[in-house]
N, C-alpha and C. Protein backbone atom coordinates (compact mmCIF):
# COMPACT_ATOMS: atom_id res chain seq x y z
N MET A 1 111.27 91.11 80.68
CA MET A 1 110.73 92.54 80.17
C MET A 1 109.45 92.59 79.94
N ARG A 2 108.47 93.11 81.10
CA ARG A 2 106.62 93.18 80.91
C ARG A 2 106.40 93.72 79.39
N ASP A 3 105.09 93.33 79.12
CA ASP A 3 104.75 94.04 77.98
C ASP A 3 104.64 95.36 77.75
N ASP A 4 104.68 96.29 79.14
CA ASP A 4 104.03 97.63 78.90
C ASP A 4 105.75 98.34 78.53
N GLY A 5 106.99 97.11 79.16
CA GLY A 5 108.07 97.98 79.04
C GLY A 5 109.07 98.13 80.57
N ARG A 6 109.00 97.64 81.55
CA ARG A 6 108.49 97.93 82.79
C ARG A 6 109.89 96.21 82.86
N VAL A 7 110.38 96.86 83.53
CA VAL A 7 111.33 95.28 84.24
C VAL A 7 111.92 95.15 86.05
N ARG A 8 111.75 94.05 85.78
CA ARG A 8 112.28 93.99 87.17
C ARG A 8 114.03 93.92 87.20
N VAL A 9 114.41 94.95 88.06
CA VAL A 9 115.97 95.52 88.65
C VAL A 9 116.68 95.06 89.43
N LEU A 10 117.97 93.82 89.75
CA LEU A 10 118.40 93.18 90.48
C LEU A 10 119.12 94.31 90.99
N MET A 11 118.84 94.86 92.37
CA MET A 11 120.46 95.82 92.78
C MET A 11 121.42 95.12 93.84
N PRO A 12 122.07 94.91 93.22
CA PRO A 12 123.19 94.06 94.81
C PRO A 12 123.90 95.06 95.85
N LEU A 13 123.63 94.59 96.61
CA LEU A 13 124.10 95.60 97.67
C LEU A 13 125.43 94.53 98.77
N PRO A 14 126.46 95.20 99.53
CA PRO A 14 127.28 94.65 100.51
C PRO A 14 126.38 94.47 101.62
N ASP A 15 126.83 94.22 102.33
CA ASP A 15 126.23 93.64 103.49
C ASP A 15 126.33 94.87 104.27
N ARG A 16 127.64 95.79 104.51
CA ARG A 16 127.77 96.71 105.41
C ARG A 16 128.68 97.87 104.77
N ASP A 17 128.13 99.59 105.37
CA ASP A 17 129.00 100.03 105.22
C ASP A 17 129.32 100.86 103.89
N PHE A 18 128.25 100.26 102.81
CA PHE A 18 127.44 101.16 101.56
C PHE A 18 127.08 102.46 101.63
N ASP A 19 127.65 103.17 100.43
CA ASP A 19 127.03 104.40 100.04
C ASP A 19 126.22 104.65 99.58
N VAL A 20 125.17 105.03 100.80
CA VAL A 20 123.54 104.93 100.73
C VAL A 20 123.30 105.89 99.01
N THR A 21 124.01 107.49 98.66
CA THR A 21 123.61 107.76 97.72
C THR A 21 123.69 106.94 96.17
N GLU A 22 124.30 105.94 96.84
CA GLU A 22 124.80 105.07 95.23
C GLU A 22 123.86 104.12 95.52
N VAL A 23 123.25 103.86 96.03
CA VAL A 23 121.63 103.16 96.18
C VAL A 23 120.45 103.49 95.43
N ALA A 24 119.97 104.89 96.87
CA ALA A 24 118.95 105.66 96.67
C ALA A 24 119.03 106.21 95.21
N VAL A 25 119.70 106.49 94.76
CA VAL A 25 119.66 107.85 93.47
C VAL A 25 119.41 107.11 92.46
N PRO A 26 119.43 105.37 92.40
CA PRO A 26 119.32 104.73 90.94
C PRO A 26 117.87 103.89 91.38
N TRP A 27 117.63 103.61 92.56
CA TRP A 27 116.18 103.12 93.23
C TRP A 27 115.31 104.26 92.76
N ARG A 28 115.44 105.63 93.04
CA ARG A 28 114.34 106.54 93.01
C ARG A 28 114.22 106.40 91.87
N VAL A 29 114.92 106.45 91.11
CA VAL A 29 114.59 106.78 89.72
C VAL A 29 113.96 105.63 89.08
N LEU A 30 114.94 104.49 89.14
CA LEU A 30 113.94 103.19 88.48
C LEU A 30 112.57 102.80 89.45
N ARG A 31 112.41 103.73 90.45
CA ARG A 31 111.15 103.58 90.66
C ARG A 31 110.09 104.13 90.20
N ASP A 32 110.79 105.42 90.06
CA ASP A 32 109.60 106.66 89.10
C ASP A 32 109.19 106.22 87.95
N ALA A 33 110.48 105.52 87.12
CA ALA A 33 109.90 104.67 85.96
C ALA A 33 109.26 104.01 85.59
N GLY A 34 108.39 103.24 86.89
CA GLY A 34 107.66 102.31 86.89
C GLY A 34 108.58 100.74 86.92
N HIS A 35 109.61 101.04 86.95
CA HIS A 35 110.24 99.53 87.31
C HIS A 35 110.49 98.90 88.80
N GLU A 36 110.52 97.55 88.82
CA GLU A 36 110.68 97.21 90.07
C GLU A 36 112.19 96.61 90.37
N VAL A 37 112.52 96.95 91.68
CA VAL A 37 113.72 97.03 91.95
C VAL A 37 113.40 95.92 93.25
N VAL A 38 114.52 95.48 93.32
CA VAL A 38 115.09 93.91 94.36
C VAL A 38 115.98 93.77 94.76
N PHE A 39 116.46 93.72 95.90
CA PHE A 39 117.30 94.00 96.40
C PHE A 39 118.04 92.97 96.69
N ALA A 40 119.09 92.52 96.66
CA ALA A 40 120.00 91.36 96.74
C ALA A 40 121.32 91.53 97.92
N PRO A 41 121.40 91.49 98.79
CA PRO A 41 122.23 91.02 100.03
C PRO A 41 123.41 90.24 99.34
N GLU A 42 124.47 90.64 100.34
CA GLU A 42 125.45 89.44 99.96
C GLU A 42 125.12 87.92 100.30
N TYR A 43 123.94 88.10 101.65
CA TYR A 43 124.02 86.81 101.85
C TYR A 43 122.74 86.55 102.44
N ALA A 44 121.82 85.49 101.92
CA ALA A 44 120.22 85.64 101.57
C ALA A 44 119.68 85.52 103.58
N GLY A 45 118.57 86.82 103.58
CA GLY A 45 118.50 86.86 105.23
C GLY A 45 119.08 87.73 105.68
N THR A 46 119.64 88.42 104.73
CA THR A 46 120.77 89.55 105.90
C THR A 46 120.06 91.36 105.27
N VAL A 47 119.80 91.68 106.38
CA VAL A 47 119.35 93.75 106.04
C VAL A 47 120.99 94.10 105.72
N PRO A 48 121.25 94.70 104.98
CA PRO A 48 122.52 95.46 104.71
C PRO A 48 121.98 96.96 105.34
N ASP A 49 123.70 96.77 105.76
CA ASP A 49 123.22 98.09 106.99
C ASP A 49 124.78 99.18 106.15
N ALA A 50 123.71 100.26 105.63
CA ALA A 50 124.86 101.77 104.67
C ALA A 50 125.69 102.44 105.92
N ASP A 51 126.77 102.77 105.32
CA ASP A 51 127.82 103.40 106.18
C ASP A 51 127.13 104.85 106.91
N PRO A 52 127.26 104.18 108.08
CA PRO A 52 126.31 105.77 109.20
C PRO A 52 126.82 106.69 109.07
N ARG A 53 128.28 106.89 108.81
CA ARG A 53 128.68 108.25 108.50
C ARG A 53 128.48 109.04 107.30
N LEU A 54 127.92 108.04 106.03
CA LEU A 54 127.45 109.50 105.34
C LEU A 54 126.02 109.33 105.10
N LEU A 55 125.31 108.84 106.03
CA LEU A 55 123.74 109.54 106.23
C LEU A 55 123.86 110.42 107.68
N THR A 56 125.03 110.43 108.63
CA THR A 56 124.90 111.32 109.31
C THR A 56 125.94 112.61 109.37
N GLY A 57 126.39 112.41 108.39
CA GLY A 57 127.41 113.29 108.33
C GLY A 57 129.07 113.13 109.39
N VAL A 58 130.19 113.34 108.78
CA VAL A 58 131.21 113.25 109.75
C VAL A 58 132.14 114.01 109.11
N ILE A 59 132.86 114.78 109.99
CA ILE A 59 133.91 116.12 109.77
C ILE A 59 133.34 117.19 109.09
N CYS A 60 132.25 117.32 110.48
CA CYS A 60 131.35 118.47 110.20
C CYS A 60 130.32 119.01 109.29
N GLY A 61 129.86 117.35 108.97
CA GLY A 61 129.47 116.89 107.86
C GLY A 61 129.73 117.22 106.50
N GLN A 62 130.82 117.37 105.85
CA GLN A 62 131.33 117.62 104.77
C GLN A 62 131.15 116.06 104.08
N LEU A 63 131.05 114.57 104.75
CA LEU A 63 131.29 113.38 103.59
C LEU A 63 129.46 113.12 104.01
N GLY A 64 128.44 114.05 104.32
CA GLY A 64 127.44 113.31 104.91
C GLY A 64 126.59 113.40 103.07
N ALA A 65 125.18 112.66 102.83
CA ALA A 65 124.69 112.97 101.87
C ALA A 65 124.10 114.22 101.82
N ALA A 66 124.28 114.76 100.17
CA ALA A 66 123.20 116.07 100.51
C ALA A 66 121.66 115.80 100.59
N PRO A 67 120.75 116.70 101.34
CA PRO A 67 119.67 116.08 101.36
C PRO A 67 118.79 115.82 100.58
N GLU A 68 118.74 116.10 99.40
CA GLU A 68 118.25 115.13 98.50
C GLU A 68 118.54 114.32 98.00
N ALA A 69 120.02 113.93 97.93
CA ALA A 69 119.99 112.94 98.06
C ALA A 69 119.30 111.55 99.26
N GLY A 70 119.66 111.96 100.23
CA GLY A 70 118.90 111.36 101.54
C GLY A 70 117.98 111.14 101.45
N ALA A 71 116.85 112.22 100.69
CA ALA A 71 114.78 111.79 100.84
C ALA A 71 114.95 110.43 99.95
N PHE A 72 115.74 110.34 98.92
CA PHE A 72 115.84 109.31 98.36
C PHE A 72 116.33 107.74 98.95
N THR A 73 116.42 107.65 100.06
CA THR A 73 116.94 106.76 100.68
C THR A 73 115.63 106.04 100.95
N PRO A 74 115.74 104.57 100.52
CA PRO A 74 114.12 103.99 100.53
C PRO A 74 114.35 103.30 101.60
N THR A 75 112.88 102.80 102.16
CA THR A 75 112.61 102.76 103.59
C THR A 75 112.09 101.23 103.63
């Protein structure tokens, strides 16, 4: 913990097919609170891929992320 109470948070991610809202919302809340979020994929040097169906929506968009949650997606 830093002197000002901010912390570095390690966020483990699977290499593929994770739910983007389960990552984006906590990331946004922590970042907005001034904390540093470090993403940790399963294997060093890889870039995790979110489940594309949850980004674009399937079954007429019923399983897609809500626009508010999608807006929190880290870039």
